[in-house]
């Protein structure tokens, strides 16, 4: 028996997907999010540098 991958009858969809709310209605009342500012601060750079050097020191300690 061969079945088409795309169902042409909307009433034949899966019962779980049919019970879920429609996406348009779910996101219609959500206000637009504020623009996120992705600036790099000195604290971010210090954290990355600290993590990098701690990892290098740990790897060297295991090698030596």
C-alpha atoms as a PDB file:
ATOM      1  CA  UNK A   1       0.000   0.000   0.000  1.00  0.00           C
ATOM      2  CA  UNK A   2       1.456   3.339  -1.054  1.00  0.00           C
ATOM      3  CA  UNK A   3       0.598   6.518   0.762  1.00  0.00           C
ATOM      4  CA  UNK A   4       1.374  10.081  -0.226  1.00  0.00           C
ATOM      5  CA  UNK A   5       3.747  11.971   2.029  1.00  0.00           C
ATOM      6  CA  UNK A   6       1.576  15.066   1.939  1.00  0.00           C
ATOM      7  CA  UNK A   7      -1.984  14.725   3.124  1.00  0.00           C
ATOM      8  CA  UNK A   8      -4.399  16.749   1.067  1.00  0.00           C
ATOM      9  CA  UNK A   9      -7.229  16.422   3.575  1.00  0.00           C
ATOM     10  CA  UNK A  10      -6.742  18.653   6.638  1.00  0.00           C
ATOM     11  CA  UNK A  11      -9.090  16.527   8.760  1.00  0.00           C
ATOM     12  CA  UNK A  12      -6.670  13.600   8.444  1.00  0.00           C
ATOM     13  CA  UNK A  13      -3.852  15.240  10.429  1.00  0.00           C
ATOM     14  CA  UNK A  14      -2.357  13.746  13.562  1.00  0.00           C
ATOM     15  CA  UNK A  15      -4.545  14.085  16.668  1.00  0.00           C
ATOM     16  CA  UNK A  16      -1.792  15.633  18.785  1.00  0.00           C
ATOM     17  CA  UNK A  17      -0.925  18.293  16.229  1.00  0.00           C
ATOM     18  CA  UNK A  18      -4.610  19.054  15.772  1.00  0.00           C
ATOM     19  CA  UNK A  19      -4.977  19.663  19.536  1.00  0.00           C
ATOM     20  CA  UNK A  20      -2.115  22.180  19.696  1.00  0.00           C
ATOM     21  CA  UNK A  21      -2.946  25.893  19.407  1.00  0.00           C
ATOM     22  CA  UNK A  22      -2.310  27.577  16.098  1.00  0.00           C
ATOM     23  CA  UNK A  23       0.986  29.483  15.956  1.00  0.00           C
ATOM     24  CA  UNK A  24      -0.569  32.666  14.633  1.00  0.00           C
ATOM     25  CA  UNK A  25      -2.964  32.921  17.551  1.00  0.00           C
ATOM     26  CA  UNK A  26      -0.326  31.978  20.103  1.00  0.00           C
ATOM     27  CA  UNK A  27       2.150  34.727  19.120  1.00  0.00           C
ATOM     28  CA  UNK A  28      -0.322  37.432  18.101  1.00  0.00           C
ATOM     29  CA  UNK A  29      -0.553  39.053  21.565  1.00  0.00           C
ATOM     30  CA  UNK A  30       3.168  38.971  22.331  1.00  0.00           C
ATOM     31  CA  UNK A  31       4.694  42.459  22.144  1.00  0.00           C
ATOM     32  CA  UNK A  32       7.886  42.924  20.186  1.00  0.00           C
ATOM     33  CA  UNK A  33      10.983  42.370  22.310  1.00  0.00           C
ATOM     34  CA  UNK A  34      13.340  45.254  22.979  1.00  0.00           C
ATOM     35  CA  UNK A  35      16.497  45.413  20.930  1.00  0.00           C
ATOM     36  CA  UNK A  36      19.294  43.611  22.756  1.00  0.00           C
ATOM     37  CA  UNK A  37      22.585  45.460  22.908  1.00  0.00           C
ATOM     38  CA  UNK A  38      25.475  43.013  22.473  1.00  0.00           C
ATOM     39  CA  UNK A  39      28.400  45.166  23.545  1.00  0.00           C
ATOM     40  CA  UNK A  40      31.627  43.640  24.761  1.00  0.00           C
ATOM     41  CA  UNK A  41      32.632  44.953  28.171  1.00  0.00           C
ATOM     42  CA  UNK A  42      35.946  44.831  30.006  1.00  0.00           C
ATOM     43  CA  UNK A  43      34.461  42.285  32.390  1.00  0.00           C
ATOM     44  CA  UNK A  44      33.642  39.976  29.459  1.00  0.00           C
ATOM     45  CA  UNK A  45      37.179  40.215  28.084  1.00  0.00           C
ATOM     46  CA  UNK A  46      38.653  39.615  31.539  1.00  0.00           C
ATOM     47  CA  UNK A  47      36.469  36.538  32.000  1.00  0.00           C
ATOM     48  CA  UNK A  48      37.448  35.043  28.643  1.00  0.00           C
ATOM     49  CA  UNK A  49      41.142  35.721  29.261  1.00  0.00           C
ATOM     50  CA  UNK A  50      40.978  34.208  32.748  1.00  0.00           C
ATOM     51  CA  UNK A  51      39.248  31.093  31.446  1.00  0.00           C
ATOM     52  CA  UNK A  52      41.733  30.735  28.586  1.00  0.00           C
ATOM     53  CA  UNK A  53      44.808  31.014  30.775  1.00  0.00           C
ATOM     54  CA  UNK A  54      43.355  28.716  33.441  1.00  0.00           C
ATOM     55  CA  UNK A  55      42.643  26.081  30.774  1.00  0.00           C
ATOM     56  CA  UNK A  56      46.145  26.406  29.303  1.00  0.00           C
ATOM     57  CA  UNK A  57      47.686  26.092  32.786  1.00  0.00           C
ATOM     58  CA  UNK A  58      45.582  23.001  33.562  1.00  0.00           C
ATOM     59  CA  UNK A  59      46.533  21.327  30.266  1.00  0.00           C
ATOM     60  CA  UNK A  60      50.217  22.100  30.802  1.00  0.00           C
ATOM     61  CA  UNK A  61      50.024  20.745  34.349  1.00  0.00           C
ATOM     62  CA  UNK A  62      48.638  17.444  33.082  1.00  0.00           C
ATOM     63  CA  UNK A  63      51.216  17.232  30.274  1.00  0.00           C
ATOM     64  CA  UNK A  64      54.240  17.969  32.466  1.00  0.00           C
END
